[in-house]
């Protein structure tokens, strides 16, 4: 689905990507629409393995005490981006400061200052997660960006945002474990093979 295929909903009002995004979501329930760098990114409804991977990932974060008084583990929360006047992303999973409600900006998106980690499980538009969003989250100074790369069977951990990129980008393969930076609020170790297995369709 391309942005060009969506008619401007209000001809007598100024051009608004936000209005187009809202129209797409209204016409196609379940689709996720984000605006990054002045471009619409449309993601289809997630499949069961995608959801299963997210549930599996929440368990170690919650077990480490990250969903409590100081931080929260949440899904599909809007992150306001500094890359454009209407830009925002909706990561699959985030770890945020517990006072996130005090950092509301607009359009159900929140100031990136309260995000400690963002995580994406790739879908058909995996290139957006690996490239476009990596730049956007770095510009927003989100400390840790994790990508469950179902296309290439890797788990990527990006840290230390500087300018338009993360200084450290390490891909992990099945058989390895990942210990995330304790700056997220606790020590969390992830089993790469376990996560990637959950993210795949179960054999019939």
Protein backbone atom coordinates (compact mmCIF):
# COMPACT_ATOMS: atom_id res chain seq x y z
CA UNK A 1 0.00 0.00 0.00
CA UNK A 2 1.52 3.33 -0.98
CA UNK A 3 0.84 6.77 0.43
CA UNK A 4 0.01 7.96 -3.08
CA UNK A 5 -2.96 5.61 -3.12
CA UNK A 6 -4.58 7.38 -0.19
CA UNK A 7 -6.66 10.43 -0.99
CA UNK A 8 -6.24 13.56 1.10
CA UNK A 9 -9.28 13.30 3.43
CA UNK A 10 -9.89 17.02 3.87
CA UNK A 11 -9.35 18.96 0.67
CA UNK A 12 -9.87 22.36 2.29
CA UNK A 13 -7.29 21.79 5.05
CA UNK A 14 -3.47 21.93 4.88
CA UNK A 15 -1.69 18.76 3.79
CA UNK A 16 -1.26 16.48 6.78
CA UNK A 17 0.50 13.13 6.88
CA UNK A 18 -1.10 12.54 10.26
CA UNK A 19 -4.57 12.83 8.71
CA UNK A 20 -3.58 10.35 5.99
CA UNK A 21 -2.16 7.97 8.60
CA UNK A 22 -5.40 8.16 10.58
CA UNK A 23 -7.43 7.44 7.46
CA UNK A 24 -5.32 4.38 6.60
CA UNK A 25 -5.80 2.97 10.09
CA UNK A 26 -9.53 3.66 9.96
CA UNK A 27 -9.91 1.91 6.61
CA UNK A 28 -7.57 -0.97 7.49
CA UNK A 29 -8.00 -1.92 11.17
CA UNK A 30 -4.95 -3.69 12.58
CA UNK A 31 -2.47 -1.94 10.32
CA UNK A 32 0.24 0.11 12.01
CA UNK A 33 1.08 3.44 10.39
CA UNK A 34 4.15 5.45 11.33
CA UNK A 35 5.65 8.67 9.98
CA UNK A 36 9.44 8.74 9.78
CA UNK A 37 11.42 11.33 7.86
CA UNK A 38 8.23 12.68 6.36
CA UNK A 39 7.32 9.28 4.88
CA UNK A 40 4.47 6.94 5.79
CA UNK A 41 5.47 3.44 6.87
CA UNK A 42 2.56 0.99 6.78
CA UNK A 43 2.93 -2.40 8.50
CA UNK A 44 0.32 -5.16 8.13
CA UNK A 45 -1.30 -6.84 11.11
CA UNK A 46 1.22 -9.03 12.97
CA UNK A 47 1.05 -12.80 12.66
CA UNK A 48 0.94 -15.21 15.61
CA UNK A 49 4.74 -15.88 15.69
CA UNK A 50 5.35 -12.13 15.85
CA UNK A 51 3.04 -11.84 18.86
CA UNK A 52 4.51 -15.00 20.41
CA UNK A 53 8.03 -13.56 20.23
CA UNK A 54 6.90 -10.36 21.96
CA UNK A 55 5.21 -12.28 24.77
CA UNK A 56 8.36 -14.38 25.22
CA UNK A 57 10.50 -11.26 25.37
CA UNK A 58 8.32 -9.60 27.98
CA UNK A 59 8.88 -12.48 30.41
CA UNK A 60 12.61 -11.87 31.15
CA UNK A 61 12.07 -8.11 31.29
CA UNK A 62 9.25 -8.44 33.79
CA UNK A 63 11.11 -11.14 35.75
CA UNK A 64 14.03 -8.71 36.10
CA UNK A 65 11.69 -6.23 37.80
CA UNK A 66 11.47 -3.79 34.88
CA UNK A 67 7.69 -3.49 35.09
CA UNK A 68 7.28 -1.70 38.39
CA UNK A 69 7.67 1.63 40.16
CA UNK A 70 10.66 2.93 38.15
CA UNK A 71 10.17 1.46 34.69
CA UNK A 72 7.44 -0.18 32.63
CA UNK A 73 7.44 -2.80 29.87
CA UNK A 74 4.86 -1.80 27.25
CA UNK A 75 3.78 -2.69 23.71
CA UNK A 76 2.87 -0.40 20.82
CA UNK A 77 3.52 2.95 22.49
CA UNK A 78 4.10 5.95 20.22
CA UNK A 79 7.54 7.58 20.30
CA UNK A 80 7.73 11.19 19.08
CA UNK A 81 10.68 11.63 16.70
CA UNK A 82 12.86 14.69 16.01
CA UNK A 83 13.09 13.79 12.30
CA UNK A 84 10.05 15.82 11.15
CA UNK A 85 7.13 17.92 12.37
CA UNK A 86 4.70 14.97 12.31
CA UNK A 87 7.16 12.11 12.79
CA UNK A 88 6.48 9.31 15.22
CA UNK A 89 7.16 5.57 15.49
CA UNK A 90 5.28 2.81 17.28
CA UNK A 91 7.83 0.21 18.42
CA UNK A 92 6.62 -3.32 19.11
CA UNK A 93 8.01 -3.29 22.66
CA UNK A 94 9.55 -0.61 24.86
CA UNK A 95 11.05 -0.12 28.29
CA UNK A 96 10.17 3.35 29.53
CA UNK A 97 10.41 5.41 32.68
CA UNK A 98 7.35 4.90 34.85
CA UNK A 99 6.48 8.60 34.59
CA UNK A 100 5.86 8.27 30.83
CA UNK A 101 2.41 9.86 31.22
CA UNK A 102 4.15 13.12 32.11
CA UNK A 103 5.97 13.09 28.75
CA UNK A 104 3.01 13.05 26.38
CA UNK A 105 3.60 15.13 23.24
CA UNK A 106 0.66 14.58 20.86
CA UNK A 107 -0.96 12.00 18.59
CA UNK A 108 -0.56 9.30 21.29
CA UNK A 109 3.23 9.71 21.16
CA UNK A 110 5.67 10.46 23.97
CA UNK A 111 8.97 12.29 24.32
CA UNK A 112 11.93 9.97 23.58
CA UNK A 113 13.64 11.13 26.78
CA UNK A 114 11.63 8.56 28.77
CA UNK A 115 12.49 5.57 26.53
CA UNK A 116 15.29 3.29 27.73
CA UNK A 117 14.91 0.58 25.10
CA UNK A 118 12.88 0.06 21.93
CA UNK A 119 12.45 -3.33 20.26
CA UNK A 120 11.12 -4.39 16.88
CA UNK A 121 10.23 -7.85 15.57
CA UNK A 122 10.59 -7.67 11.79
CA UNK A 123 7.69 -8.15 9.41
CA UNK A 124 7.58 -8.00 5.62
CA UNK A 125 9.08 -4.50 5.67
CA UNK A 126 12.18 -5.64 7.58
CA UNK A 127 14.42 -3.09 5.85
CA UNK A 128 12.62 -0.28 7.66
CA UNK A 129 13.50 -1.81 11.03
CA UNK A 130 17.14 -2.40 10.11
CA UNK A 131 17.81 0.92 8.40
CA UNK A 132 15.15 3.63 8.55
CA UNK A 133 14.24 3.15 12.20
CA UNK A 134 17.85 2.68 13.28
CA UNK A 135 18.59 6.20 12.04
CA UNK A 136 15.39 7.64 13.54
CA UNK A 137 15.91 6.07 16.97
CA UNK A 138 19.57 7.17 17.00
CA UNK A 139 18.49 10.75 16.25
CA UNK A 140 15.97 10.46 19.09
CA UNK A 141 18.83 9.31 21.36
CA UNK A 142 17.07 6.12 22.45
CA UNK A 143 19.88 4.33 24.36
CA UNK A 144 19.20 0.74 23.23
CA UNK A 145 17.54 -0.59 20.08
CA UNK A 146 16.94 -4.34 19.72
CA UNK A 147 15.80 -5.98 16.47
CA UNK A 148 14.50 -9.54 16.22
CA UNK A 149 15.46 -10.10 12.59
CA UNK A 150 13.25 -12.93 11.34
CA UNK A 151 14.48 -12.45 7.76
CA UNK A 152 18.13 -13.25 8.52
CA UNK A 153 17.71 -15.15 11.81
CA UNK A 154 19.69 -12.68 13.86
CA UNK A 155 19.17 -10.60 16.99
CA UNK A 156 20.64 -7.11 16.60
CA UNK A 157 21.58 -4.93 19.56
CA UNK A 158 22.35 -1.28 18.83
CA UNK A 159 23.71 0.99 21.57
CA UNK A 160 25.33 4.40 22.09
CA UNK A 161 23.42 6.67 19.71
CA UNK A 162 25.49 9.45 18.16
CA UNK A 163 24.03 11.74 15.54
CA UNK A 164 22.35 9.61 12.86
CA UNK A 165 23.69 6.23 13.92
CA UNK A 166 24.44 3.90 16.79
CA UNK A 167 28.14 3.62 17.56
CA UNK A 168 27.81 -0.06 18.42
CA UNK A 169 25.76 -2.52 16.36
CA UNK A 170 26.24 -6.18 17.16
CA UNK A 171 24.28 -8.99 15.44
CA UNK A 172 23.90 -12.23 17.43
CA UNK A 173 23.25 -15.70 16.02
CA UNK A 174 21.36 -18.72 17.39
CA UNK A 175 23.43 -20.40 20.08
CA UNK A 176 24.57 -17.08 21.55
CA UNK A 177 23.23 -15.19 24.53
CA UNK A 178 22.89 -11.43 24.84
CA UNK A 179 23.28 -9.44 28.03
CA UNK A 180 21.65 -6.07 27.52
CA UNK A 181 23.12 -2.85 28.98
CA UNK A 182 22.10 -2.38 32.59
CA UNK A 183 21.13 1.19 31.69
CA UNK A 184 17.68 -0.24 30.86
CA UNK A 185 17.21 -0.65 34.60
CA UNK A 186 18.26 -4.23 35.31
CA UNK A 187 20.51 -7.02 34.08
CA UNK A 188 18.68 -9.01 31.39
CA UNK A 189 20.16 -11.89 29.39
CA UNK A 190 18.38 -13.17 26.27
CA UNK A 191 18.70 -16.55 24.56
CA UNK A 192 18.92 -15.74 20.84
CA UNK A 193 17.86 -19.18 19.61
CA UNK A 194 14.85 -19.26 21.93
CA UNK A 195 13.65 -15.84 20.75
CA UNK A 196 14.12 -16.59 17.05
CA UNK A 197 12.41 -19.96 17.41
CA UNK A 198 9.38 -18.32 19.01
CA UNK A 199 9.26 -15.85 16.13
CA UNK A 200 8.91 -18.61 13.51
CA UNK A 201 5.78 -20.43 12.44
CA UNK A 202 5.28 -23.70 14.26
CA UNK A 203 5.70 -26.82 12.13
CA UNK A 204 2.37 -28.42 11.32
